[in-house]
Amino acid sequence: PSEDLRQKHHAVYLENLSFAAQQAAKVGLTVLIEPINTRDIPGFFL
């Protein structure tokens, strides 16, 4: 929503990705993240 919130969102992002990777590893899956342009999705985090 705002660049002022990036640090807070970033911490949540890392925590959630760590959880997802741990769960996926149990069944041999890979988790993907994707940088997306802000013309197609304005305000996208990555």
All heavy atoms as atom14 arrays in JSON, in Angstrom:
{
  "sequence": "PSEDLRQKHHAVYLENLSFAAQQAAKVGLTVLIEPINTRDIPGFFL",
  "atom14_mask": [
    [1, 1, 1, 1, 1, 1, 1, 0, 0, 0, 0, 0, 0, 0],
    [1, 1, 1, 1, 1, 1, 0, 0, 0, 0, 0, 0, 0, 0],
    [1, 1, 1, 1, 1, 1, 1, 1, 1, 0, 0, 0, 0, 0],
    [1, 1, 1, 1, 1, 1, 1, 1, 0, 0, 0, 0, 0, 0],
    [1, 1, 1, 1, 1, 1, 1, 1, 0, 0, 0, 0, 0, 0],
    [1, 1, 1, 1, 1, 1, 1, 1, 1, 1, 1, 0, 0, 0],
    [1, 1, 1, 1, 1, 1, 1, 1, 1, 0, 0, 0, 0, 0],
    [1, 1, 1, 1, 1, 1, 1, 1, 1, 0, 0, 0, 0, 0],
    [1, 1, 1, 1, 1, 1, 1, 1, 1, 1, 0, 0, 0, 0],
    [1, 1, 1, 1, 1, 1, 1, 1, 1, 1, 0, 0, 0, 0],
    [1, 1, 1, 1, 1, 0, 0, 0, 0, 0, 0, 0, 0, 0],
    [1, 1, 1, 1, 1, 1, 1, 0, 0, 0, 0, 0, 0, 0],
    [1, 1, 1, 1, 1, 1, 1, 1, 1, 1, 1, 1, 0, 0],
    [1, 1, 1, 1, 1, 1, 1, 1, 0, 0, 0, 0, 0, 0],
    [1, 1, 1, 1, 1, 1, 1, 1, 1, 0, 0, 0, 0, 0],
    [1, 1, 1, 1, 1, 1, 1, 1, 0, 0, 0, 0, 0, 0],
    [1, 1, 1, 1, 1, 1, 1, 1, 0, 0, 0, 0, 0, 0],
    [1, 1, 1, 1, 1, 1, 0, 0, 0, 0, 0, 0, 0, 0],
    [1, 1, 1, 1, 1, 1, 1, 1, 1, 1, 1, 0, 0, 0],
    [1, 1, 1, 1, 1, 0, 0, 0, 0, 0, 0, 0, 0, 0],
    [1, 1, 1, 1, 1, 0, 0, 0, 0, 0, 0, 0, 0, 0],
    [1, 1, 1, 1, 1, 1, 1, 1, 1, 0, 0, 0, 0, 0],
    [1, 1, 1, 1, 1, 1, 1, 1, 1, 0, 0, 0, 0, 0],
    [1, 1, 1, 1, 1, 0, 0, 0, 0, 0, 0, 0, 0, 0],
    [1, 1, 1, 1, 1, 0, 0, 0, 0, 0, 0, 0, 0, 0],
    [1, 1, 1, 1, 1, 1, 1, 1, 1, 0, 0, 0, 0, 0],
    [1, 1, 1, 1, 1, 1, 1, 0, 0, 0, 0, 0, 0, 0],
    [1, 1, 1, 1, 0, 0, 0, 0, 0, 0, 0, 0, 0, 0],
    [1, 1, 1, 1, 1, 1, 1, 1, 0, 0, 0, 0, 0, 0],
    [1, 1, 1, 1, 1, 1, 1, 0, 0, 0, 0, 0, 0, 0],
    [1, 1, 1, 1, 1, 1, 1, 0, 0, 0, 0, 0, 0, 0],
    [1, 1, 1, 1, 1, 1, 1, 1, 0, 0, 0, 0, 0, 0],
    [1, 1, 1, 1, 1, 1, 1, 1, 0, 0, 0, 0, 0, 0],
    [1, 1, 1, 1, 1, 1, 1, 1, 1, 0, 0, 0, 0, 0],
    [1, 1, 1, 1, 1, 1, 1, 0, 0, 0, 0, 0, 0, 0],
    [1, 1, 1, 1, 1, 1, 1, 1, 0, 0, 0, 0, 0, 0],
    [1, 1, 1, 1, 1, 1, 1, 1, 0, 0, 0, 0, 0, 0],
    [1, 1, 1, 1, 1, 1, 1, 0, 0, 0, 0, 0, 0, 0],
    [1, 1, 1, 1, 1, 1, 1, 1, 1, 1, 1, 0, 0, 0],
    [1, 1, 1, 1, 1, 1, 1, 1, 0, 0, 0, 0, 0, 0],
    [1, 1, 1, 1, 1, 1, 1, 1, 0, 0, 0, 0, 0, 0],
    [1, 1, 1, 1, 1, 1, 1, 0, 0, 0, 0, 0, 0, 0],
    [1, 1, 1, 1, 0, 0, 0, 0, 0, 0, 0, 0, 0, 0],
    [1, 1, 1, 1, 1, 1, 1, 1, 1, 1, 1, 0, 0, 0],
    [1, 1, 1, 1, 1, 1, 1, 1, 1, 1, 1, 0, 0, 0],
    [1, 1, 1, 1, 1, 1, 1, 1, 0, 0, 0, 0, 0, 0]
  ],
  "atom14_positions": [
    [[0.8, -1.23, 0.0], [0.0, 0.0, 0.0], [0.83, 1.27, 0.0], [0.43, 2.29, -0.56], [-0.83, -0.11, 1.29], [-0.77, -1.55, 1.68], [0.55, -2.06, 1.19], [0.0, 0.0, 0.0], [0.0, 0.0, 0.0], [0.0, 0.0, 0.0], [0.0, 0.0, 0.0], [0.0, 0.0, 0.0], [0.0, 0.0, 0.0], [0.0, 0.0, 0.0]],
    [[2.0, 1.21, 0.64], [2.86, 2.39, 0.76], [4.3, 1.94, 0.98], [4.54, 0.95, 1.69], [2.4, 3.27, 1.93], [3.38, 4.23, 2.26], [0.0, 0.0, 0.0], [0.0, 0.0, 0.0], [0.0, 0.0, 0.0], [0.0, 0.0, 0.0], [0.0, 0.0, 0.0], [0.0, 0.0, 0.0], [0.0, 0.0, 0.0], [0.0, 0.0, 0.0]],
    [[5.24, 2.67, 0.4], [6.65, 2.33, 0.61], [7.04, 2.43, 2.08], [7.97, 1.77, 2.52], [7.55, 3.25, -0.23], [7.68, 2.84, -1.67], [8.37, 1.49, -1.84], [9.25, 1.16, -1.03], [8.0, 0.75, -2.78], [0.0, 0.0, 0.0], [0.0, 0.0, 0.0], [0.0, 0.0, 0.0], [0.0, 0.0, 0.0], [0.0, 0.0, 0.0]],
    [[6.31, 3.23, 2.84], [6.59, 3.35, 4.27], [6.37, 2.03, 5.01], [6.91, 1.84, 6.11], [5.7, 4.43, 4.9], [6.0, 5.83, 4.38], [7.12, 6.03, 3.86], [5.12, 6.7, 4.48], [0.0, 0.0, 0.0], [0.0, 0.0, 0.0], [0.0, 0.0, 0.0], [0.0, 0.0, 0.0], [0.0, 0.0, 0.0], [0.0, 0.0, 0.0]],
    [[5.59, 1.14, 4.4], [5.27, -0.13, 5.04], [6.14, -1.29, 4.54], [5.93, -2.42, 4.94], [3.79, -0.48, 4.8], [2.77, 0.51, 5.38], [1.36, 0.14, 4.92], [2.85, 0.55, 6.9], [0.0, 0.0, 0.0], [0.0, 0.0, 0.0], [0.0, 0.0, 0.0], [0.0, 0.0, 0.0], [0.0, 0.0, 0.0], [0.0, 0.0, 0.0]],
    [[7.09, -0.98, 3.66], [7.85, -2.06, 3.03], [8.57, -2.94, 4.04], [8.57, -4.17, 3.92], [8.86, -1.5, 2.02], [9.68, -2.6, 1.33], [10.49, -2.08, 0.15], [9.65, -1.73, -0.98], [9.18, -2.6, -1.88], [9.45, -3.89, -1.75], [8.44, -2.19, -2.87], [0.0, 0.0, 0.0], [0.0, 0.0, 0.0], [0.0, 0.0, 0.0]],
    [[9.2, -2.36, 5.04], [9.96, -3.16, 6.0], [9.06, -4.15, 6.73], [9.42, -5.33, 6.9], [10.68, -2.25, 7.0], [11.61, -3.0, 7.95], [12.43, -2.06, 8.82], [12.39, -0.84, 8.64], [13.16, -2.62, 9.75], [0.0, 0.0, 0.0], [0.0, 0.0, 0.0], [0.0, 0.0, 0.0], [0.0, 0.0, 0.0], [0.0, 0.0, 0.0]],
    [[7.88, -3.69, 7.13], [6.95, -4.56, 7.84], [6.46, -5.68, 6.92], [6.41, -6.85, 7.32], [5.77, -3.74, 8.35], [4.77, -4.53, 9.17], [3.68, -3.64, 9.73], [2.71, -4.42, 10.62], [1.64, -3.54, 11.17], [0.0, 0.0, 0.0], [0.0, 0.0, 0.0], [0.0, 0.0, 0.0], [0.0, 0.0, 0.0], [0.0, 0.0, 0.0]],
    [[6.11, -5.35, 5.67], [5.66, -6.36, 4.72], [6.78, -7.34, 4.39], [6.53, -8.54, 4.21], [5.15, -5.68, 3.44], [3.76, -5.15, 3.55], [2.71, -5.62, 2.79], [3.22, -4.2, 4.35], [1.61, -4.97, 3.1], [1.9, -4.1, 4.04], [0.0, 0.0, 0.0], [0.0, 0.0, 0.0], [0.0, 0.0, 0.0], [0.0, 0.0, 0.0]],
    [[7.99, -6.82, 4.31], [9.13, -7.67, 3.98], [9.34, -8.74, 5.05], [9.61, -9.91, 4.73], [10.39, -6.82, 3.82], [11.56, -7.56, 3.28], [11.67, -7.94, 1.97], [12.69, -8.01, 3.89], [12.81, -8.58, 1.78], [13.45, -8.64, 2.93], [0.0, 0.0, 0.0], [0.0, 0.0, 0.0], [0.0, 0.0, 0.0], [0.0, 0.0, 0.0]],
    [[9.22, -8.35, 6.3], [9.4, -9.31, 7.39], [8.34, -10.41, 7.33], [8.65, -11.59, 7.53], [9.32, -8.58, 8.73], [0.0, 0.0, 0.0], [0.0, 0.0, 0.0], [0.0, 0.0, 0.0], [0.0, 0.0, 0.0], [0.0, 0.0, 0.0], [0.0, 0.0, 0.0], [0.0, 0.0, 0.0], [0.0, 0.0, 0.0], [0.0, 0.0, 0.0]],
    [[7.1, -10.03, 7.03], [6.04, -11.03, 6.9], [6.31, -11.94, 5.71], [6.11, -13.16, 5.78], [4.67, -10.33, 6.76], [3.56, -11.33, 6.41], [4.32, -9.58, 8.03], [0.0, 0.0, 0.0], [0.0, 0.0, 0.0], [0.0, 0.0, 0.0], [0.0, 0.0, 0.0], [0.0, 0.0, 0.0], [0.0, 0.0, 0.0], [0.0, 0.0, 0.0]],
    [[6.76, -11.35, 4.62], [7.07, -12.11, 3.4], [8.11, -13.18, 3.68], [7.93, -14.35, 3.3], [7.57, -11.12, 2.35], [7.67, -11.63, 0.93], [6.67, -12.41, 0.36], [8.77, -11.28, 0.14], [6.76, -12.84, -0.95], [8.86, -11.7, -1.18], [7.86, -12.47, -1.71], [7.95, -12.89, -3.03], [0.0, 0.0, 0.0], [0.0, 0.0, 0.0]],
    [[9.19, -12.81, 4.34], [10.25, -13.78, 4.65], [9.74, -14.89, 5.55], [10.05, -16.07, 5.34], [11.43, -13.07, 5.31], [12.17, -12.01, 4.5], [13.36, -11.48, 5.29], [12.63, -12.56, 3.16], [0.0, 0.0, 0.0], [0.0, 0.0, 0.0], [0.0, 0.0, 0.0], [0.0, 0.0, 0.0], [0.0, 0.0, 0.0], [0.0, 0.0, 0.0]],
    [[8.93, -14.54, 6.52], [8.39, -15.54, 7.44], [7.48, -16.52, 6.69], [7.57, -17.74, 6.88], [7.61, -14.85, 8.56], [7.0, -15.81, 9.57], [6.2, -15.09, 10.64], [6.31, -13.85, 10.75], [5.44, -15.77, 11.35], [0.0, 0.0, 0.0], [0.0, 0.0, 0.0], [0.0, 0.0, 0.0], [0.0, 0.0, 0.0], [0.0, 0.0, 0.0]],
    [[6.61, -16.0, 5.85], [5.7, -16.87, 5.12], [6.42, -17.74, 4.1], [6.09, -18.92, 3.93], [4.63, -16.02, 4.41], [3.51, -15.61, 5.34], [3.22, -16.28, 6.33], [2.85, -14.5, 5.02], [0.0, 0.0, 0.0], [0.0, 0.0, 0.0], [0.0, 0.0, 0.0], [0.0, 0.0, 0.0], [0.0, 0.0, 0.0], [0.0, 0.0, 0.0]],
    [[7.42, -17.18, 3.43], [8.17, -17.97, 2.46], [8.97, -19.07, 3.15], [9.09, -20.18, 2.63], [9.09, -17.07, 1.65], [8.42, -16.13, 0.66], [9.45, -15.25, -0.04], [7.58, -16.89, -0.37], [0.0, 0.0, 0.0], [0.0, 0.0, 0.0], [0.0, 0.0, 0.0], [0.0, 0.0, 0.0], [0.0, 0.0, 0.0], [0.0, 0.0, 0.0]],
    [[9.5, -18.78, 4.3], [10.24, -19.79, 5.05], [9.3, -20.94, 5.43], [9.65, -22.12, 5.28], [10.85, -19.17, 6.3], [11.57, -20.14, 7.04], [0.0, 0.0, 0.0], [0.0, 0.0, 0.0], [0.0, 0.0, 0.0], [0.0, 0.0, 0.0], [0.0, 0.0, 0.0], [0.0, 0.0, 0.0], [0.0, 0.0, 0.0], [0.0, 0.0, 0.0]],
    [[8.11, -20.59, 5.9], [7.12, -21.63, 6.22], [6.77, -22.45, 4.99], [6.75, -23.69, 5.04], [5.86, -20.98, 6.79], [4.7, -21.93, 6.89], [4.57, -22.78, 7.98], [3.74, -21.97, 5.89], [3.51, -23.67, 8.07], [2.67, -22.86, 5.97], [2.55, -23.71, 7.07], [0.0, 0.0, 0.0], [0.0, 0.0, 0.0], [0.0, 0.0, 0.0]],
    [[6.47, -21.77, 3.87], [6.07, -22.47, 2.65], [7.19, -23.39, 2.16], [6.93, -24.54, 1.76], [5.7, -21.46, 1.56], [0.0, 0.0, 0.0], [0.0, 0.0, 0.0], [0.0, 0.0, 0.0], [0.0, 0.0, 0.0], [0.0, 0.0, 0.0], [0.0, 0.0, 0.0], [0.0, 0.0, 0.0], [0.0, 0.0, 0.0], [0.0, 0.0, 0.0]],
    [[8.42, -22.9, 2.19], [9.54, -23.73, 1.73], [9.72, -24.96, 2.61], [9.99, -26.06, 2.12], [10.82, -22.89, 1.7], [0.0, 0.0, 0.0], [0.0, 0.0, 0.0], [0.0, 0.0, 0.0], [0.0, 0.0, 0.0], [0.0, 0.0, 0.0], [0.0, 0.0, 0.0], [0.0, 0.0, 0.0], [0.0, 0.0, 0.0], [0.0, 0.0, 0.0]],
    [[9.55, -24.79, 3.92], [9.68, -25.93, 4.83], [8.61, -26.98, 4.55], [8.89, -28.18, 4.51], [9.58, -25.45, 6.27], [10.78, -24.65, 6.75], [10.56, -24.03, 8.12], [9.62, -24.38, 8.83], [11.42, -23.1, 8.5], [0.0, 0.0, 0.0], [0.0, 0.0, 0.0], [0.0, 0.0, 0.0], [0.0, 0.0, 0.0], [0.0, 0.0, 0.0]],
    [[7.37, -26.53, 4.36], [6.28, -27.47, 4.09], [6.46, -28.15, 2.74], [6.23, -29.36, 2.59], [4.93, -26.75, 4.15], [4.61, -26.14, 5.51], [4.66, -27.17, 6.63], [4.0, -28.2, 6.56], [5.44, -26.88, 7.66], [0.0, 0.0, 0.0], [0.0, 0.0, 0.0], [0.0, 0.0, 0.0], [0.0, 0.0, 0.0], [0.0, 0.0, 0.0]],
    [[6.86, -27.37, 1.74], [7.05, -27.93, 0.4], [8.2, -28.93, 0.37], [8.15, -29.93, -0.36], [7.3, -26.79, -0.6], [0.0, 0.0, 0.0], [0.0, 0.0, 0.0], [0.0, 0.0, 0.0], [0.0, 0.0, 0.0], [0.0, 0.0, 0.0], [0.0, 0.0, 0.0], [0.0, 0.0, 0.0], [0.0, 0.0, 0.0], [0.0, 0.0, 0.0]],
    [[9.25, -28.66, 1.15], [10.41, -29.56, 1.16], [10.04, -30.95, 1.65], [10.64, -31.95, 1.23], [11.51, -28.96, 2.02], [0.0, 0.0, 0.0], [0.0, 0.0, 0.0], [0.0, 0.0, 0.0], [0.0, 0.0, 0.0], [0.0, 0.0, 0.0], [0.0, 0.0, 0.0], [0.0, 0.0, 0.0], [0.0, 0.0, 0.0], [0.0, 0.0, 0.0]],
    [[9.05, -31.04, 2.5], [8.63, -32.33, 3.04], [8.11, -33.26, 1.95], [8.14, -34.49, 2.12], [7.56, -32.14, 4.11], [8.04, -31.4, 5.35], [6.89, -31.17, 6.32], [7.34, -30.37, 7.54], [6.21, -30.11, 8.47], [0.0, 0.0, 0.0], [0.0, 0.0, 0.0], [0.0, 0.0, 0.0], [0.0, 0.0, 0.0], [0.0, 0.0, 0.0]],
    [[7.61, -32.67, 0.85], [7.04, -33.47, -0.23], [7.78, -33.25, -1.56], [7.28, -33.58, -2.63], [5.53, -33.17, -0.4], [4.75, -33.74, 0.77], [5.26, -31.68, -0.53], [0.0, 0.0, 0.0], [0.0, 0.0, 0.0], [0.0, 0.0, 0.0], [0.0, 0.0, 0.0], [0.0, 0.0, 0.0], [0.0, 0.0, 0.0], [0.0, 0.0, 0.0]],
    [[8.99, -32.68, -1.47], [9.84, -32.55, -2.64], [9.42, -31.49, -3.64], [9.74, -31.6, -4.82], [0.0, 0.0, 0.0], [0.0, 0.0, 0.0], [0.0, 0.0, 0.0], [0.0, 0.0, 0.0], [0.0, 0.0, 0.0], [0.0, 0.0, 0.0], [0.0, 0.0, 0.0], [0.0, 0.0, 0.0], [0.0, 0.0, 0.0], [0.0, 0.0, 0.0]],
    [[8.75, -30.43, -3.18], [8.29, -29.37, -4.08], [9.16, -28.12, -3.93], [9.78, -27.88, -2.9], [6.83, -29.01, -3.8], [5.79, -29.77, -4.63], [5.79, -31.24, -4.26], [4.39, -29.17, -4.43], [0.0, 0.0, 0.0], [0.0, 0.0, 0.0], [0.0, 0.0, 0.0], [0.0, 0.0, 0.0], [0.0, 0.0, 0.0], [0.0, 0.0, 0.0]],
    [[9.15, -27.32, -4.99], [9.85, -26.04, -5.03], [8.84, -24.9, -4.97], [7.8, -24.94, -5.64], [10.69, -25.91, -6.31], [11.72, -26.91, -6.29], [11.33, -24.54, -6.43], [0.0, 0.0, 0.0], [0.0, 0.0, 0.0], [0.0, 0.0, 0.0], [0.0, 0.0, 0.0], [0.0, 0.0, 0.0], [0.0, 0.0, 0.0], [0.0, 0.0, 0.0]],
    [[9.14, -23.89, -4.17], [8.32, -22.69, -4.07], [8.93, -21.61, -4.96], [10.15, -21.41, -4.96], [8.24, -22.19, -2.62], [7.42, -20.91, -2.52], [7.67, -23.27, -1.71], [0.0, 0.0, 0.0], [0.0, 0.0, 0.0], [0.0, 0.0, 0.0], [0.0, 0.0, 0.0], [0.0, 0.0, 0.0], [0.0, 0.0, 0.0], [0.0, 0.0, 0.0]],
    [[8.09, -20.93, -5.71], [8.55, -19.88, -6.62], [8.0, -18.52, -6.21], [6.85, -18.41, -5.77], [8.09, -20.18, -8.05], [8.57, -21.49, -8.67], [7.88, -21.73, -10.0], [10.08, -21.48, -8.85], [0.0, 0.0, 0.0], [0.0, 0.0, 0.0], [0.0, 0.0, 0.0], [0.0, 0.0, 0.0], [0.0, 0.0, 0.0], [0.0, 0.0, 0.0]],
    [[8.82, -17.5, -6.36], [8.37, -16.11, -6.21], [8.65, -15.41, -7.54], [9.56, -15.79, -8.27], [9.09, -15.4, -5.05], [10.61, -15.37, -5.27], [8.75, -16.07, -3.73], [11.37, -14.55, -4.22], [0.0, 0.0, 0.0], [0.0, 0.0, 0.0], [0.0, 0.0, 0.0], [0.0, 0.0, 0.0], [0.0, 0.0, 0.0], [0.0, 0.0, 0.0]],
    [[7.85, -14.38, -7.84], [7.97, -13.75, -9.16], [7.96, -12.24, -9.08], [6.99, -11.65, -8.59], [6.83, -14.2, -10.06], [6.9, -13.61, -11.47], [5.71, -13.98, -12.34], [4.66, -14.36, -11.78], [5.83, -13.88, -13.56], [0.0, 0.0, 0.0], [0.0, 0.0, 0.0], [0.0, 0.0, 0.0], [0.0, 0.0, 0.0], [0.0, 0.0, 0.0]],
    [[9.01, -11.58, -9.57], [8.95, -10.13, -9.75], [7.99, -9.8, -10.9], [8.08, -10.37, -11.99], [10.4, -9.76, -10.12], [11.23, -10.94, -9.67], [10.34, -12.13, -9.85], [0.0, 0.0, 0.0], [0.0, 0.0, 0.0], [0.0, 0.0, 0.0], [0.0, 0.0, 0.0], [0.0, 0.0, 0.0], [0.0, 0.0, 0.0], [0.0, 0.0, 0.0]],
    [[7.05, -8.89, -10.64], [6.02, -8.52, -11.6], [6.04, -7.01, -11.81], [6.19, -6.24, -10.86], [4.63, -8.98, -11.11], [4.59, -10.51, -11.03], [3.51, -8.47, -12.01], [3.3, -11.08, -10.48], [0.0, 0.0, 0.0], [0.0, 0.0, 0.0], [0.0, 0.0, 0.0], [0.0, 0.0, 0.0], [0.0, 0.0, 0.0], [0.0, 0.0, 0.0]],
    [[5.88, -6.59, -13.06], [5.94, -5.16, -13.36], [4.72, -4.43, -12.8], [3.63, -4.99, -12.69], [6.09, -4.94, -14.87], [4.78, -5.07, -15.62], [3.96, -4.16, -15.61], [4.58, -6.2, -16.29], [0.0, 0.0, 0.0], [0.0, 0.0, 0.0], [0.0, 0.0, 0.0], [0.0, 0.0, 0.0], [0.0, 0.0, 0.0], [0.0, 0.0, 0.0]],
    [[4.92, -3.17, -12.46], [3.85, -2.39, -11.84], [2.94, -1.71, -12.86], [2.04, -0.96, -12.47], [4.43, -1.32, -10.89], [5.39, -0.53, -11.6], [5.11, -1.97, -9.7], [0.0, 0.0, 0.0], [0.0, 0.0, 0.0], [0.0, 0.0, 0.0], [0.0, 0.0, 0.0], [0.0, 0.0, 0.0], [0.0, 0.0, 0.0], [0.0, 0.0, 0.0]],
    [[3.14, -1.97, -14.13], [2.18, -1.53, -15.14], [1.01, -2.51, -15.17], [-0.14, -2.11, -15.21], [2.83, -1.43, -16.52], [1.92, -0.83, -17.58], [2.64, -0.72, -18.91], [2.81, -2.02, -19.55], [3.67, -2.26, -20.53], [4.46, -1.3, -20.96], [3.75, -3.46, -21.08], [0.0, 0.0, 0.0], [0.0, 0.0, 0.0], [0.0, 0.0, 0.0]],
    [[1.32, -3.8, -15.15], [0.27, -4.82, -15.11], [-0.38, -4.91, -13.74], [-1.6, -5.08, -13.64], [0.85, -6.18, -15.5], [1.06, -6.34, -16.99], [1.55, -5.39, -17.62], [0.75, -7.4, -17.52], [0.0, 0.0, 0.0], [0.0, 0.0, 0.0], [0.0, 0.0, 0.0], [0.0, 0.0, 0.0], [0.0, 0.0, 0.0], [0.0, 0.0, 0.0]],
    [[0.41, -4.84, -12.69], [-0.12, -4.9, -11.33], [0.47, -3.74, -10.53], [1.52, -3.88, -9.88], [0.19, -6.25, -10.64], [-0.3, -7.43, -11.49], [-0.46, -6.3, -9.26], [-0.08, -8.79, -10.84], [0.0, 0.0, 0.0], [0.0, 0.0, 0.0], [0.0, 0.0, 0.0], [0.0, 0.0, 0.0], [0.0, 0.0, 0.0], [0.0, 0.0, 0.0]],
    [[-0.17, -2.57, -10.58], [0.35, -1.43, -9.82], [0.46, -1.76, -8.33], [-0.43, -2.37, -7.74], [-0.72, -0.35, -10.07], [-1.35, -0.72, -11.37], [-1.37, -2.23, -11.36], [0.0, 0.0, 0.0], [0.0, 0.0, 0.0], [0.0, 0.0, 0.0], [0.0, 0.0, 0.0], [0.0, 0.0, 0.0], [0.0, 0.0, 0.0], [0.0, 0.0, 0.0]],
    [[1.59, -1.39, -7.75], [1.78, -1.58, -6.33], [2.26, -2.96, -5.93], [2.37, -3.25, -4.72], [0.0, 0.0, 0.0], [0.0, 0.0, 0.0], [0.0, 0.0, 0.0], [0.0, 0.0, 0.0], [0.0, 0.0, 0.0], [0.0, 0.0, 0.0], [0.0, 0.0, 0.0], [0.0, 0.0, 0.0], [0.0, 0.0, 0.0], [0.0, 0.0, 0.0]],
    [[2.6, -3.82, -6.91], [3.03, -5.17, -6.54], [4.33, -5.09, -5.73], [5.22, -4.29, -6.02], [3.22, -6.04, -7.78], [3.29, -7.5, -7.47], [2.15, -8.2, -7.12], [4.5, -8.2, -7.51], [2.19, -9.56, -6.81], [4.56, -9.55, -7.2], [3.4, -10.24, -6.86], [0.0, 0.0, 0.0], [0.0, 0.0, 0.0], [0.0, 0.0, 0.0]],
    [[4.44, -5.95, -4.73], [5.53, -5.86, -3.75], [6.89, -6.13, -4.35], [7.89, -5.5, -3.98], [5.26, -6.86, -2.62], [6.31, -6.88, -1.56], [6.37, -5.9, -0.58], [7.27, -7.89, -1.53], [7.35, -5.92, 0.39], [8.25, -7.92, -0.56], [8.29, -6.93, 0.41], [0.0, 0.0, 0.0], [0.0, 0.0, 0.0], [0.0, 0.0, 0.0]],
    [[6.98, -7.06, -5.3], [8.27, -7.54, -5.82], [8.34, -7.22, -7.32], [7.49, -7.7, -8.07], [8.39, -9.04, -5.58], [9.74, -9.71, -5.8], [10.76, -9.24, -4.76], [9.59, -11.23, -5.73], [0.0, 0.0, 0.0], [0.0, 0.0, 0.0], [0.0, 0.0, 0.0], [0.0, 0.0, 0.0], [0.0, 0.0, 0.0], [0.0, 0.0, 0.0]]
  ]
}
